[in-house]
N, C-alpha and C. Protein backbone atom coordinates (compact mmCIF):
# COMPACT_ATOMS: atom_id res chain seq x y z
N MET A 1 -36.05 -5.74 15.16
CA MET A 1 -36.42 -6.92 14.38
C MET A 1 -36.91 -8.03 15.31
N ILE A 2 -37.99 -8.70 14.90
CA ILE A 2 -38.52 -9.83 15.65
C ILE A 2 -37.89 -11.11 15.13
N CYS A 3 -37.36 -11.91 16.02
CA CYS A 3 -36.70 -13.15 15.64
C CYS A 3 -37.69 -14.13 15.03
N TRP A 4 -37.28 -14.75 13.92
CA TRP A 4 -38.13 -15.73 13.26
C TRP A 4 -38.24 -17.01 14.09
N SER A 5 -37.27 -17.26 14.97
CA SER A 5 -37.23 -18.51 15.71
C SER A 5 -38.01 -18.44 17.02
N CYS A 6 -37.72 -17.41 17.84
CA CYS A 6 -38.37 -17.32 19.16
C CYS A 6 -39.47 -16.27 19.21
N GLU A 7 -39.57 -15.48 18.12
CA GLU A 7 -40.60 -14.44 18.00
C GLU A 7 -40.50 -13.38 19.09
N ARG A 8 -39.29 -13.13 19.55
CA ARG A 8 -39.05 -12.05 20.50
C ARG A 8 -38.16 -11.00 19.84
N GLU A 9 -38.02 -9.85 20.50
CA GLU A 9 -37.15 -8.80 19.97
C GLU A 9 -35.73 -9.35 19.88
N ALA A 10 -35.14 -9.24 18.67
CA ALA A 10 -33.86 -9.92 18.43
C ALA A 10 -32.65 -9.04 18.69
N GLY A 11 -32.82 -7.74 18.69
CA GLY A 11 -31.66 -6.86 18.82
C GLY A 11 -31.11 -6.48 17.46
N SER A 12 -29.92 -5.87 17.44
CA SER A 12 -29.36 -5.33 16.20
C SER A 12 -28.26 -6.18 15.59
N GLY A 13 -27.79 -7.20 16.27
CA GLY A 13 -26.70 -8.02 15.75
C GLY A 13 -27.18 -9.09 14.79
N PRO A 14 -26.26 -9.85 14.22
CA PRO A 14 -26.64 -10.92 13.30
C PRO A 14 -27.33 -12.09 14.00
N LEU A 15 -27.08 -12.24 15.29
CA LEU A 15 -27.69 -13.32 16.06
C LEU A 15 -28.74 -12.76 17.01
N CYS A 16 -29.82 -13.48 17.16
CA CYS A 16 -30.88 -13.07 18.07
C CYS A 16 -30.33 -13.00 19.49
N GLY A 17 -30.57 -11.87 20.15
CA GLY A 17 -30.09 -11.71 21.51
C GLY A 17 -30.82 -12.59 22.50
N ALA A 18 -32.00 -13.08 22.11
CA ALA A 18 -32.79 -13.90 23.03
C ALA A 18 -32.49 -15.38 22.90
N CYS A 19 -32.42 -15.87 21.65
CA CYS A 19 -32.25 -17.33 21.47
C CYS A 19 -31.00 -17.71 20.67
N GLY A 20 -30.32 -16.73 20.08
CA GLY A 20 -29.09 -17.02 19.35
C GLY A 20 -29.28 -17.44 17.92
N ALA A 21 -30.51 -17.41 17.41
CA ALA A 21 -30.75 -17.80 16.02
C ALA A 21 -30.15 -16.77 15.09
N LEU A 22 -29.68 -17.22 13.92
CA LEU A 22 -29.14 -16.29 12.92
C LEU A 22 -30.28 -15.59 12.22
N LEU A 23 -30.19 -14.28 12.17
CA LEU A 23 -31.26 -13.48 11.58
C LEU A 23 -30.98 -13.18 10.12
N PRO A 24 -32.00 -13.00 9.31
CA PRO A 24 -31.78 -12.61 7.91
C PRO A 24 -31.19 -11.21 7.86
N PRO A 25 -30.47 -10.87 6.80
CA PRO A 25 -29.85 -9.55 6.73
C PRO A 25 -30.88 -8.45 6.52
N ASP A 26 -30.51 -7.26 6.92
CA ASP A 26 -31.32 -6.08 6.67
C ASP A 26 -30.92 -5.54 5.30
N ASP A 27 -31.78 -5.70 4.32
CA ASP A 27 -31.44 -5.29 2.95
C ASP A 27 -31.27 -3.78 2.83
N ALA A 28 -31.80 -3.02 3.78
CA ALA A 28 -31.69 -1.57 3.73
C ALA A 28 -30.38 -1.06 4.35
N ALA A 29 -29.64 -1.94 4.99
CA ALA A 29 -28.40 -1.53 5.65
C ALA A 29 -27.34 -1.19 4.61
N ASP A 30 -26.59 -0.10 4.84
CA ASP A 30 -25.50 0.21 3.93
C ASP A 30 -24.26 -0.58 4.34
N HIS A 31 -23.20 -0.46 3.55
CA HIS A 31 -22.00 -1.27 3.79
C HIS A 31 -21.37 -0.96 5.14
N PHE A 32 -21.43 0.29 5.56
CA PHE A 32 -20.86 0.66 6.85
C PHE A 32 -21.64 0.01 7.99
N GLN A 33 -22.96 0.02 7.87
CA GLN A 33 -23.80 -0.59 8.90
C GLN A 33 -23.59 -2.10 8.95
N VAL A 34 -23.42 -2.71 7.79
CA VAL A 34 -23.21 -4.17 7.74
C VAL A 34 -21.97 -4.55 8.55
N LEU A 35 -20.94 -3.73 8.46
CA LEU A 35 -19.69 -4.04 9.16
C LEU A 35 -19.58 -3.36 10.52
N GLY A 36 -20.62 -2.61 10.91
CA GLY A 36 -20.61 -1.96 12.20
C GLY A 36 -19.61 -0.83 12.31
N LEU A 37 -19.36 -0.14 11.19
CA LEU A 37 -18.39 0.96 11.16
C LEU A 37 -19.09 2.29 11.03
N ALA A 38 -18.44 3.34 11.52
CA ALA A 38 -18.98 4.69 11.34
C ALA A 38 -18.93 5.05 9.86
N SER A 39 -19.95 5.69 9.36
CA SER A 39 -20.02 6.06 7.96
C SER A 39 -19.08 7.22 7.68
N GLY A 40 -18.21 7.07 6.69
CA GLY A 40 -17.26 8.12 6.33
C GLY A 40 -16.17 7.55 5.46
N TYR A 41 -15.56 8.42 4.65
CA TYR A 41 -14.54 7.92 3.72
C TYR A 41 -13.30 7.41 4.44
N ALA A 42 -12.92 8.07 5.53
CA ALA A 42 -11.73 7.66 6.28
C ALA A 42 -12.05 6.38 7.06
N VAL A 43 -11.58 5.26 6.54
CA VAL A 43 -11.86 3.96 7.16
C VAL A 43 -10.59 3.40 7.79
N ASP A 44 -10.71 2.96 9.03
CA ASP A 44 -9.61 2.26 9.71
C ASP A 44 -9.57 0.84 9.15
N LEU A 45 -8.59 0.57 8.29
CA LEU A 45 -8.55 -0.72 7.61
C LEU A 45 -8.35 -1.88 8.57
N ALA A 46 -7.62 -1.65 9.65
CA ALA A 46 -7.43 -2.71 10.64
C ALA A 46 -8.76 -3.05 11.30
N ALA A 47 -9.52 -2.02 11.63
CA ALA A 47 -10.84 -2.24 12.24
C ALA A 47 -11.78 -2.90 11.24
N LEU A 48 -11.67 -2.51 9.98
CA LEU A 48 -12.49 -3.12 8.93
C LEU A 48 -12.21 -4.61 8.82
N GLU A 49 -10.93 -4.98 8.77
CA GLU A 49 -10.57 -6.39 8.66
C GLU A 49 -11.01 -7.17 9.89
N ALA A 50 -10.85 -6.57 11.06
CA ALA A 50 -11.24 -7.25 12.30
C ALA A 50 -12.75 -7.50 12.33
N ALA A 51 -13.51 -6.48 11.92
CA ALA A 51 -14.97 -6.63 11.91
C ALA A 51 -15.39 -7.68 10.90
N TYR A 52 -14.75 -7.67 9.76
CA TYR A 52 -15.09 -8.65 8.71
C TYR A 52 -14.82 -10.08 9.19
N LYS A 53 -13.67 -10.30 9.77
CA LYS A 53 -13.33 -11.65 10.23
C LYS A 53 -14.27 -12.11 11.35
N ARG A 54 -14.57 -11.19 12.26
CA ARG A 54 -15.46 -11.56 13.38
C ARG A 54 -16.85 -11.92 12.86
N LEU A 55 -17.39 -11.10 11.98
CA LEU A 55 -18.73 -11.36 11.45
C LEU A 55 -18.74 -12.58 10.54
N SER A 56 -17.66 -12.78 9.79
CA SER A 56 -17.57 -13.96 8.92
C SER A 56 -17.67 -15.24 9.73
N ARG A 57 -17.01 -15.26 10.88
CA ARG A 57 -17.07 -16.45 11.73
C ARG A 57 -18.49 -16.68 12.24
N GLN A 58 -19.19 -15.59 12.52
CA GLN A 58 -20.55 -15.72 13.06
C GLN A 58 -21.55 -16.23 12.04
N VAL A 59 -21.40 -15.83 10.79
CA VAL A 59 -22.44 -16.11 9.79
C VAL A 59 -22.01 -17.13 8.73
N HIS A 60 -20.82 -17.67 8.83
CA HIS A 60 -20.32 -18.56 7.77
C HIS A 60 -21.24 -19.76 7.57
N PRO A 61 -21.55 -20.10 6.31
CA PRO A 61 -22.46 -21.23 6.03
C PRO A 61 -22.03 -22.55 6.65
N ASP A 62 -20.74 -22.76 6.86
CA ASP A 62 -20.29 -24.03 7.46
C ASP A 62 -20.87 -24.22 8.86
N ARG A 63 -21.12 -23.13 9.56
CA ARG A 63 -21.67 -23.23 10.91
C ARG A 63 -23.14 -23.64 10.89
N PHE A 64 -23.79 -23.49 9.74
CA PHE A 64 -25.24 -23.73 9.66
C PHE A 64 -25.58 -24.82 8.64
N ALA A 65 -24.59 -25.66 8.36
CA ALA A 65 -24.80 -26.70 7.35
C ALA A 65 -25.94 -27.65 7.72
N THR A 66 -26.16 -27.88 9.01
CA THR A 66 -27.23 -28.80 9.43
C THR A 66 -28.37 -28.06 10.14
N ALA A 67 -28.38 -26.75 10.01
CA ALA A 67 -29.42 -25.96 10.68
C ALA A 67 -30.71 -25.97 9.87
N GLU A 68 -31.73 -25.32 10.39
CA GLU A 68 -32.99 -25.20 9.69
C GLU A 68 -32.81 -24.43 8.38
N PRO A 69 -33.67 -24.70 7.40
CA PRO A 69 -33.54 -24.02 6.11
C PRO A 69 -33.49 -22.50 6.23
N ARG A 70 -34.29 -21.92 7.13
CA ARG A 70 -34.28 -20.45 7.26
C ARG A 70 -32.94 -19.95 7.75
N ALA A 71 -32.33 -20.68 8.63
CA ALA A 71 -31.01 -20.29 9.14
C ALA A 71 -29.96 -20.43 8.05
N ARG A 72 -30.05 -21.50 7.24
CA ARG A 72 -29.10 -21.68 6.15
C ARG A 72 -29.24 -20.56 5.12
N ARG A 73 -30.47 -20.19 4.81
CA ARG A 73 -30.68 -19.09 3.85
C ARG A 73 -30.16 -17.78 4.41
N ALA A 74 -30.40 -17.56 5.69
CA ALA A 74 -29.90 -16.34 6.33
C ALA A 74 -28.37 -16.29 6.30
N SER A 75 -27.75 -17.43 6.52
CA SER A 75 -26.29 -17.51 6.50
C SER A 75 -25.74 -17.15 5.13
N THR A 76 -26.34 -17.73 4.09
CA THR A 76 -25.88 -17.44 2.73
C THR A 76 -26.07 -15.97 2.38
N SER A 77 -27.23 -15.44 2.70
CA SER A 77 -27.53 -14.04 2.37
C SER A 77 -26.62 -13.08 3.13
N ARG A 78 -26.41 -13.39 4.41
CA ARG A 78 -25.54 -12.51 5.20
C ARG A 78 -24.10 -12.58 4.71
N THR A 79 -23.65 -13.74 4.31
CA THR A 79 -22.28 -13.88 3.82
C THR A 79 -22.09 -13.09 2.53
N VAL A 80 -23.05 -13.17 1.63
CA VAL A 80 -22.98 -12.40 0.38
C VAL A 80 -22.95 -10.90 0.68
N GLN A 81 -23.83 -10.46 1.56
CA GLN A 81 -23.91 -9.05 1.92
C GLN A 81 -22.61 -8.58 2.58
N LEU A 82 -22.08 -9.40 3.48
CA LEU A 82 -20.86 -9.05 4.19
C LEU A 82 -19.67 -8.96 3.25
N ASN A 83 -19.54 -9.94 2.36
CA ASN A 83 -18.42 -9.93 1.41
C ASN A 83 -18.47 -8.73 0.48
N ASP A 84 -19.67 -8.39 0.05
CA ASP A 84 -19.84 -7.23 -0.83
C ASP A 84 -19.42 -5.95 -0.11
N ALA A 85 -19.86 -5.81 1.13
CA ALA A 85 -19.50 -4.63 1.91
C ALA A 85 -17.99 -4.54 2.13
N TRP A 86 -17.39 -5.65 2.48
CA TRP A 86 -15.95 -5.69 2.76
C TRP A 86 -15.13 -5.37 1.52
N ARG A 87 -15.46 -5.98 0.37
CA ARG A 87 -14.71 -5.73 -0.86
C ARG A 87 -14.83 -4.28 -1.30
N THR A 88 -15.98 -3.69 -1.07
CA THR A 88 -16.19 -2.29 -1.47
C THR A 88 -15.44 -1.33 -0.57
N LEU A 89 -15.56 -1.49 0.73
CA LEU A 89 -14.99 -0.51 1.65
C LEU A 89 -13.48 -0.62 1.79
N ARG A 90 -12.90 -1.77 1.52
CA ARG A 90 -11.44 -1.88 1.67
C ARG A 90 -10.71 -1.24 0.50
N ASP A 91 -11.41 -1.02 -0.62
CA ASP A 91 -10.78 -0.43 -1.80
C ASP A 91 -11.12 1.06 -1.85
N PRO A 92 -10.12 1.95 -1.82
CA PRO A 92 -10.40 3.39 -1.76
C PRO A 92 -11.26 3.91 -2.91
N VAL A 93 -11.01 3.40 -4.12
CA VAL A 93 -11.77 3.87 -5.28
C VAL A 93 -13.21 3.36 -5.23
N ARG A 94 -13.37 2.07 -4.96
CA ARG A 94 -14.72 1.52 -4.88
C ARG A 94 -15.50 2.15 -3.73
N ARG A 95 -14.80 2.46 -2.64
CA ARG A 95 -15.46 3.12 -1.51
C ARG A 95 -15.97 4.50 -1.92
N ALA A 96 -15.15 5.23 -2.67
CA ALA A 96 -15.57 6.56 -3.13
C ALA A 96 -16.75 6.45 -4.09
N GLU A 97 -16.70 5.51 -5.01
CA GLU A 97 -17.81 5.32 -5.95
C GLU A 97 -19.09 4.97 -5.21
N TYR A 98 -18.96 4.13 -4.20
CA TYR A 98 -20.13 3.71 -3.42
C TYR A 98 -20.73 4.89 -2.68
N MET A 99 -19.90 5.68 -2.03
CA MET A 99 -20.41 6.81 -1.26
C MET A 99 -21.08 7.85 -2.16
N LEU A 100 -20.50 8.07 -3.33
CA LEU A 100 -21.11 9.01 -4.27
C LEU A 100 -22.44 8.47 -4.78
N SER A 101 -22.47 7.18 -5.05
CA SER A 101 -23.72 6.56 -5.51
C SER A 101 -24.80 6.69 -4.45
N ARG A 102 -24.44 6.45 -3.19
CA ARG A 102 -25.41 6.58 -2.10
C ARG A 102 -25.91 8.01 -1.96
N ALA A 103 -25.07 8.96 -2.36
CA ALA A 103 -25.46 10.37 -2.28
C ALA A 103 -26.19 10.84 -3.53
N GLY A 104 -26.38 9.93 -4.49
CA GLY A 104 -27.11 10.27 -5.70
C GLY A 104 -26.28 10.95 -6.76
N VAL A 105 -24.95 10.83 -6.67
CA VAL A 105 -24.05 11.44 -7.66
C VAL A 105 -23.55 10.35 -8.59
N ASP A 106 -23.87 10.46 -9.87
CA ASP A 106 -23.52 9.43 -10.85
C ASP A 106 -22.13 9.68 -11.40
N VAL A 107 -21.28 8.67 -11.34
CA VAL A 107 -19.94 8.78 -11.91
C VAL A 107 -19.70 7.71 -12.96
N GLY A 108 -20.74 7.07 -13.39
CA GLY A 108 -20.61 6.02 -14.39
C GLY A 108 -21.14 6.44 -15.74
N GLY A 109 -20.73 5.73 -16.77
CA GLY A 109 -21.27 5.94 -18.11
C GLY A 109 -21.03 7.34 -18.64
N GLN A 110 -21.93 7.80 -19.50
CA GLN A 110 -21.78 9.09 -20.16
C GLN A 110 -21.88 10.25 -19.17
N ASP A 111 -22.71 10.12 -18.15
CA ASP A 111 -22.84 11.19 -17.17
C ASP A 111 -21.51 11.43 -16.46
N GLY A 112 -20.81 10.36 -16.18
CA GLY A 112 -19.50 10.51 -15.55
C GLY A 112 -18.50 11.16 -16.48
N GLU A 113 -18.49 10.73 -17.74
CA GLU A 113 -17.54 11.29 -18.70
C GLU A 113 -17.78 12.77 -18.94
N LYS A 114 -19.01 13.22 -18.81
CA LYS A 114 -19.33 14.64 -19.02
C LYS A 114 -18.67 15.52 -17.97
N LYS A 115 -18.24 14.92 -16.87
CA LYS A 115 -17.63 15.71 -15.80
C LYS A 115 -16.18 16.07 -16.11
N VAL A 116 -15.63 15.52 -17.19
CA VAL A 116 -14.23 15.75 -17.53
C VAL A 116 -14.14 16.87 -18.57
N PRO A 117 -13.38 17.92 -18.30
CA PRO A 117 -13.23 19.02 -19.26
C PRO A 117 -12.54 18.55 -20.55
N PRO A 118 -12.92 19.10 -21.69
CA PRO A 118 -12.27 18.71 -22.97
C PRO A 118 -10.76 18.92 -22.95
N ALA A 119 -10.30 19.98 -22.27
CA ALA A 119 -8.86 20.25 -22.21
C ALA A 119 -8.12 19.12 -21.50
N PHE A 120 -8.76 18.55 -20.48
CA PHE A 120 -8.15 17.43 -19.75
C PHE A 120 -8.04 16.22 -20.66
N LEU A 121 -9.11 15.93 -21.42
CA LEU A 121 -9.09 14.79 -22.32
C LEU A 121 -8.00 14.94 -23.37
N MET A 122 -7.84 16.16 -23.90
CA MET A 122 -6.79 16.40 -24.89
C MET A 122 -5.41 16.17 -24.28
N GLU A 123 -5.23 16.63 -23.05
CA GLU A 123 -3.95 16.42 -22.38
C GLU A 123 -3.65 14.93 -22.20
N ILE A 124 -4.65 14.18 -21.80
CA ILE A 124 -4.46 12.74 -21.60
C ILE A 124 -4.13 12.05 -22.92
N LEU A 125 -4.81 12.45 -23.99
CA LEU A 125 -4.51 11.88 -25.31
C LEU A 125 -3.06 12.15 -25.70
N GLU A 126 -2.60 13.36 -25.45
CA GLU A 126 -1.22 13.71 -25.79
C GLU A 126 -0.22 12.94 -24.94
N LEU A 127 -0.54 12.75 -23.67
CA LEU A 127 0.35 11.98 -22.80
C LEU A 127 0.39 10.51 -23.20
N ASN A 128 -0.75 9.96 -23.60
CA ASN A 128 -0.77 8.58 -24.07
C ASN A 128 0.06 8.41 -25.33
N GLU A 129 -0.03 9.40 -26.22
CA GLU A 129 0.77 9.35 -27.44
C GLU A 129 2.26 9.45 -27.12
N GLU A 130 2.60 10.32 -26.19
CA GLU A 130 4.00 10.45 -25.77
C GLU A 130 4.49 9.15 -25.14
N LEU A 131 3.64 8.50 -24.39
CA LEU A 131 3.99 7.22 -23.78
C LEU A 131 4.27 6.17 -24.85
N ARG A 132 3.38 6.08 -25.84
CA ARG A 132 3.57 5.08 -26.90
C ARG A 132 4.87 5.33 -27.67
N GLU A 133 5.15 6.60 -27.95
CA GLU A 133 6.38 6.92 -28.68
C GLU A 133 7.61 6.53 -27.86
N ALA A 134 7.56 6.80 -26.56
CA ALA A 134 8.69 6.44 -25.70
C ALA A 134 8.85 4.92 -25.62
N GLN A 135 7.75 4.22 -25.54
CA GLN A 135 7.81 2.76 -25.48
C GLN A 135 8.34 2.19 -26.79
N ASP A 136 7.87 2.70 -27.91
CA ASP A 136 8.33 2.21 -29.21
C ASP A 136 9.81 2.48 -29.41
N ALA A 137 10.29 3.60 -28.85
CA ALA A 137 11.70 3.95 -28.99
C ALA A 137 12.57 3.25 -27.96
N GLY A 138 11.95 2.53 -27.04
CA GLY A 138 12.70 1.87 -25.98
C GLY A 138 13.31 2.84 -24.99
N ASP A 139 12.70 4.03 -24.86
CA ASP A 139 13.21 5.06 -23.95
C ASP A 139 12.66 4.81 -22.55
N ARG A 140 13.34 3.97 -21.80
CA ARG A 140 12.86 3.58 -20.48
C ARG A 140 12.85 4.76 -19.50
N ASP A 141 13.81 5.66 -19.62
CA ASP A 141 13.85 6.80 -18.72
C ASP A 141 12.62 7.69 -18.90
N ARG A 142 12.24 7.91 -20.16
CA ARG A 142 11.07 8.75 -20.42
C ARG A 142 9.81 8.07 -19.94
N VAL A 143 9.71 6.77 -20.17
CA VAL A 143 8.54 6.02 -19.69
C VAL A 143 8.44 6.11 -18.17
N ALA A 144 9.58 5.96 -17.51
CA ALA A 144 9.60 6.02 -16.05
C ALA A 144 9.18 7.40 -15.55
N ALA A 145 9.64 8.44 -16.25
CA ALA A 145 9.30 9.81 -15.83
C ALA A 145 7.81 10.07 -16.02
N LEU A 146 7.26 9.63 -17.15
CA LEU A 146 5.83 9.80 -17.41
C LEU A 146 5.00 9.05 -16.38
N THR A 147 5.44 7.85 -16.06
CA THR A 147 4.71 7.02 -15.09
C THR A 147 4.75 7.64 -13.70
N ALA A 148 5.92 8.13 -13.30
CA ALA A 148 6.04 8.76 -11.98
C ALA A 148 5.15 9.99 -11.89
N SER A 149 5.11 10.78 -12.96
CA SER A 149 4.26 11.97 -12.97
C SER A 149 2.79 11.59 -12.83
N MET A 150 2.39 10.57 -13.57
CA MET A 150 1.00 10.14 -13.52
C MET A 150 0.65 9.55 -12.16
N ARG A 151 1.58 8.82 -11.59
CA ARG A 151 1.34 8.25 -10.26
C ARG A 151 1.18 9.37 -9.22
N GLY A 152 1.96 10.42 -9.35
CA GLY A 152 1.83 11.55 -8.45
C GLY A 152 0.49 12.25 -8.60
N ARG A 153 0.04 12.40 -9.84
CA ARG A 153 -1.26 13.02 -10.07
C ARG A 153 -2.39 12.17 -9.49
N ALA A 154 -2.25 10.87 -9.61
CA ALA A 154 -3.26 9.97 -9.06
C ALA A 154 -3.31 10.09 -7.54
N ALA A 155 -2.15 10.18 -6.90
CA ALA A 155 -2.11 10.31 -5.44
C ALA A 155 -2.75 11.63 -5.00
N GLU A 156 -2.45 12.71 -5.71
CA GLU A 156 -3.06 14.00 -5.38
C GLU A 156 -4.58 13.95 -5.55
N THR A 157 -5.01 13.25 -6.58
CA THR A 157 -6.45 13.15 -6.85
C THR A 157 -7.15 12.37 -5.75
N MET A 158 -6.52 11.31 -5.25
CA MET A 158 -7.10 10.54 -4.16
C MET A 158 -7.23 11.41 -2.90
N THR A 159 -6.26 12.29 -2.67
CA THR A 159 -6.34 13.21 -1.54
C THR A 159 -7.52 14.16 -1.70
N THR A 160 -7.73 14.64 -2.92
CA THR A 160 -8.86 15.52 -3.21
C THR A 160 -10.18 14.80 -2.97
N ILE A 161 -10.26 13.57 -3.43
CA ILE A 161 -11.48 12.77 -3.27
C ILE A 161 -11.79 12.56 -1.79
N ALA A 162 -10.77 12.17 -1.03
CA ALA A 162 -10.97 11.91 0.40
C ALA A 162 -11.46 13.16 1.12
N SER A 163 -10.82 14.29 0.84
CA SER A 163 -11.20 15.54 1.50
C SER A 163 -12.62 15.95 1.14
N ALA A 164 -12.97 15.84 -0.14
CA ALA A 164 -14.30 16.24 -0.59
C ALA A 164 -15.39 15.36 0.01
N LEU A 165 -15.13 14.07 0.09
CA LEU A 165 -16.14 13.15 0.64
C LEU A 165 -16.32 13.34 2.14
N GLU A 166 -15.26 13.70 2.82
CA GLU A 166 -15.38 13.93 4.26
C GLU A 166 -16.22 15.18 4.54
N VAL A 167 -16.09 16.21 3.70
CA VAL A 167 -16.92 17.40 3.87
C VAL A 167 -18.37 17.09 3.53
N GLY A 168 -18.57 16.46 2.35
CA GLY A 168 -19.88 15.91 2.01
C GLY A 168 -20.93 16.89 1.52
N THR A 169 -20.58 18.15 1.31
CA THR A 169 -21.57 19.09 0.77
C THR A 169 -21.77 18.82 -0.72
N ALA A 170 -22.85 19.35 -1.27
CA ALA A 170 -23.19 19.06 -2.66
C ALA A 170 -22.07 19.45 -3.62
N ASP A 171 -21.48 20.63 -3.42
CA ASP A 171 -20.42 21.06 -4.33
C ASP A 171 -19.16 20.22 -4.17
N ARG A 172 -18.87 19.80 -2.94
CA ARG A 172 -17.69 18.95 -2.73
C ARG A 172 -17.91 17.54 -3.26
N LEU A 173 -19.14 17.05 -3.21
CA LEU A 173 -19.43 15.75 -3.80
C LEU A 173 -19.23 15.79 -5.30
N GLU A 174 -19.64 16.88 -5.94
CA GLU A 174 -19.41 17.02 -7.37
C GLU A 174 -17.91 17.10 -7.67
N GLN A 175 -17.18 17.76 -6.79
CA GLN A 175 -15.73 17.82 -6.95
C GLN A 175 -15.12 16.42 -6.86
N ALA A 176 -15.59 15.64 -5.89
CA ALA A 176 -15.10 14.27 -5.74
C ALA A 176 -15.43 13.44 -6.97
N ALA A 177 -16.63 13.65 -7.53
CA ALA A 177 -17.03 12.90 -8.72
C ALA A 177 -16.13 13.23 -9.90
N ARG A 178 -15.85 14.52 -10.10
CA ARG A 178 -14.96 14.90 -11.21
C ARG A 178 -13.57 14.33 -11.01
N ALA A 179 -13.09 14.38 -9.78
CA ALA A 179 -11.76 13.84 -9.50
C ALA A 179 -11.72 12.34 -9.71
N LEU A 180 -12.79 11.66 -9.35
CA LEU A 180 -12.84 10.21 -9.50
C LEU A 180 -12.80 9.80 -10.97
N VAL A 181 -13.52 10.53 -11.81
CA VAL A 181 -13.49 10.24 -13.25
C VAL A 181 -12.09 10.50 -13.80
N SER A 182 -11.45 11.58 -13.36
CA SER A 182 -10.08 11.86 -13.79
C SER A 182 -9.14 10.74 -13.36
N LEU A 183 -9.35 10.23 -12.15
CA LEU A 183 -8.51 9.17 -11.64
C LEU A 183 -8.55 7.94 -12.53
N ARG A 184 -9.68 7.67 -13.14
CA ARG A 184 -9.80 6.51 -14.02
C ARG A 184 -8.84 6.63 -15.19
N TYR A 185 -8.68 7.84 -15.71
CA TYR A 185 -7.76 8.05 -16.83
C TYR A 185 -6.32 7.85 -16.38
N TYR A 186 -5.99 8.32 -15.19
CA TYR A 186 -4.64 8.11 -14.68
C TYR A 186 -4.36 6.62 -14.50
N ASN A 187 -5.33 5.91 -13.96
CA ASN A 187 -5.14 4.47 -13.73
C ASN A 187 -5.03 3.69 -15.04
N ARG A 188 -5.80 4.12 -16.05
CA ARG A 188 -5.69 3.47 -17.36
C ARG A 188 -4.29 3.67 -17.94
N PHE A 189 -3.78 4.87 -17.77
CA PHE A 189 -2.43 5.16 -18.24
C PHE A 189 -1.42 4.22 -17.60
N MET A 190 -1.50 4.08 -16.28
CA MET A 190 -0.56 3.21 -15.57
C MET A 190 -0.79 1.74 -15.90
N ASP A 191 -2.03 1.38 -16.19
CA ASP A 191 -2.31 0.00 -16.63
C ASP A 191 -1.63 -0.29 -17.96
N GLN A 192 -1.63 0.72 -18.84
CA GLN A 192 -0.95 0.54 -20.13
C GLN A 192 0.54 0.33 -19.94
N VAL A 193 1.11 1.08 -19.01
CA VAL A 193 2.54 0.92 -18.72
C VAL A 193 2.81 -0.50 -18.21
N ALA A 194 1.99 -0.95 -17.27
CA ALA A 194 2.19 -2.29 -16.70
C ALA A 194 2.02 -3.37 -17.75
N ALA A 195 1.02 -3.23 -18.63
CA ALA A 195 0.78 -4.23 -19.68
C ALA A 195 1.95 -4.28 -20.64
N HIS A 196 2.48 -3.12 -20.99
CA HIS A 196 3.63 -3.08 -21.90
C HIS A 196 4.85 -3.75 -21.27
N GLU A 197 5.06 -3.48 -19.98
CA GLU A 197 6.20 -4.09 -19.29
C GLU A 197 6.06 -5.60 -19.24
N GLU A 198 4.84 -6.08 -19.03
CA GLU A 198 4.61 -7.52 -19.00
C GLU A 198 4.91 -8.14 -20.37
N ARG A 199 4.48 -7.46 -21.44
CA ARG A 199 4.76 -7.97 -22.78
C ARG A 199 6.26 -7.99 -23.05
N GLU A 200 6.94 -6.94 -22.63
CA GLU A 200 8.39 -6.88 -22.84
C GLU A 200 9.10 -7.97 -22.04
N ASP A 201 8.68 -8.20 -20.82
CA ASP A 201 9.29 -9.25 -20.00
C ASP A 201 9.05 -10.62 -20.61
N ALA A 202 7.82 -10.84 -21.12
CA ALA A 202 7.50 -12.13 -21.75
C ALA A 202 8.34 -12.33 -23.01
N ARG A 203 8.52 -11.24 -23.78
CA ARG A 203 9.32 -11.33 -25.00
C ARG A 203 10.78 -11.64 -24.67
N ALA A 204 11.30 -10.98 -23.64
CA ALA A 204 12.69 -11.21 -23.24
C ALA A 204 12.88 -12.64 -22.74
N GLU A 205 11.88 -13.12 -22.00
CA GLU A 205 11.96 -14.49 -21.48
C GLU A 205 11.93 -15.51 -22.62
N ALA A 206 11.09 -15.25 -23.61
CA ALA A 206 10.99 -16.15 -24.76
C ALA A 206 12.29 -16.16 -25.54
N GLN A 207 12.91 -14.98 -25.71
CA GLN A 207 14.18 -14.90 -26.41
C GLN A 207 15.27 -15.63 -25.65
N ALA A 208 15.23 -15.50 -24.31
CA ALA A 208 16.24 -16.18 -23.49
C ALA A 208 16.10 -17.70 -23.62
N ARG A 209 14.86 -18.17 -23.64
CA ARG A 209 14.66 -19.62 -23.81
C ARG A 209 15.16 -20.07 -25.16
N GLY A 210 14.89 -19.25 -26.19
CA GLY A 210 15.36 -19.61 -27.53
C GLY A 210 16.86 -19.65 -27.62
N THR A 211 17.51 -18.72 -26.91
CA THR A 211 18.98 -18.69 -26.90
C THR A 211 19.54 -19.91 -26.18
N ASP A 212 18.88 -20.27 -25.08
CA ASP A 212 19.34 -21.45 -24.32
C ASP A 212 19.21 -22.70 -25.15
N HIS A 213 18.09 -22.82 -25.87
CA HIS A 213 17.87 -24.01 -26.69
C HIS A 213 18.87 -24.05 -27.85
N GLY A 214 19.24 -22.86 -28.33
CA GLY A 214 20.16 -22.81 -29.45
C GLY A 214 21.56 -23.23 -29.02
């Protein structure tokens, strides 16, 4: 890249190696390149955080508040790009979705749902019904057992996703996509459990306040 400020070869970093001017971001760079990390599902989170903090200090808009307009625009653009990369790669599910998307494998919308076998959907429907019945009956032990089982399935699925993405062949990417769609159902199940618990806690707190006032 040629530096906009000194018109010399700028190098590969965010700052021009010749004059130190902040360069505009490379829109073609993927999230791994933005953070200077090796491309792959297995991400060293400590290294990710360190890279993010280091680059954030270099490109933060506060450093360029009185700089030339081009430098201010570059700062804003780089910060947006950096934050997007960091938020995506630090989250295992978003990282998997991103890598599949980059590989041309769609896991969203109807195409993603088609990857789930009908038998799996029926099983999830039955488990959700069993969960509601246990919650309505106040059977905390059954709810806890269902939740633990689902949490275990989610953990196994994440292991499958990680392994498939590291191999990266077409069939393994499809396997990762199917597993990722299944994971969404497991997470929805656990979200329902958490929402119910929050409602129950709020109800108990309200009753306690009413008793105190009485």
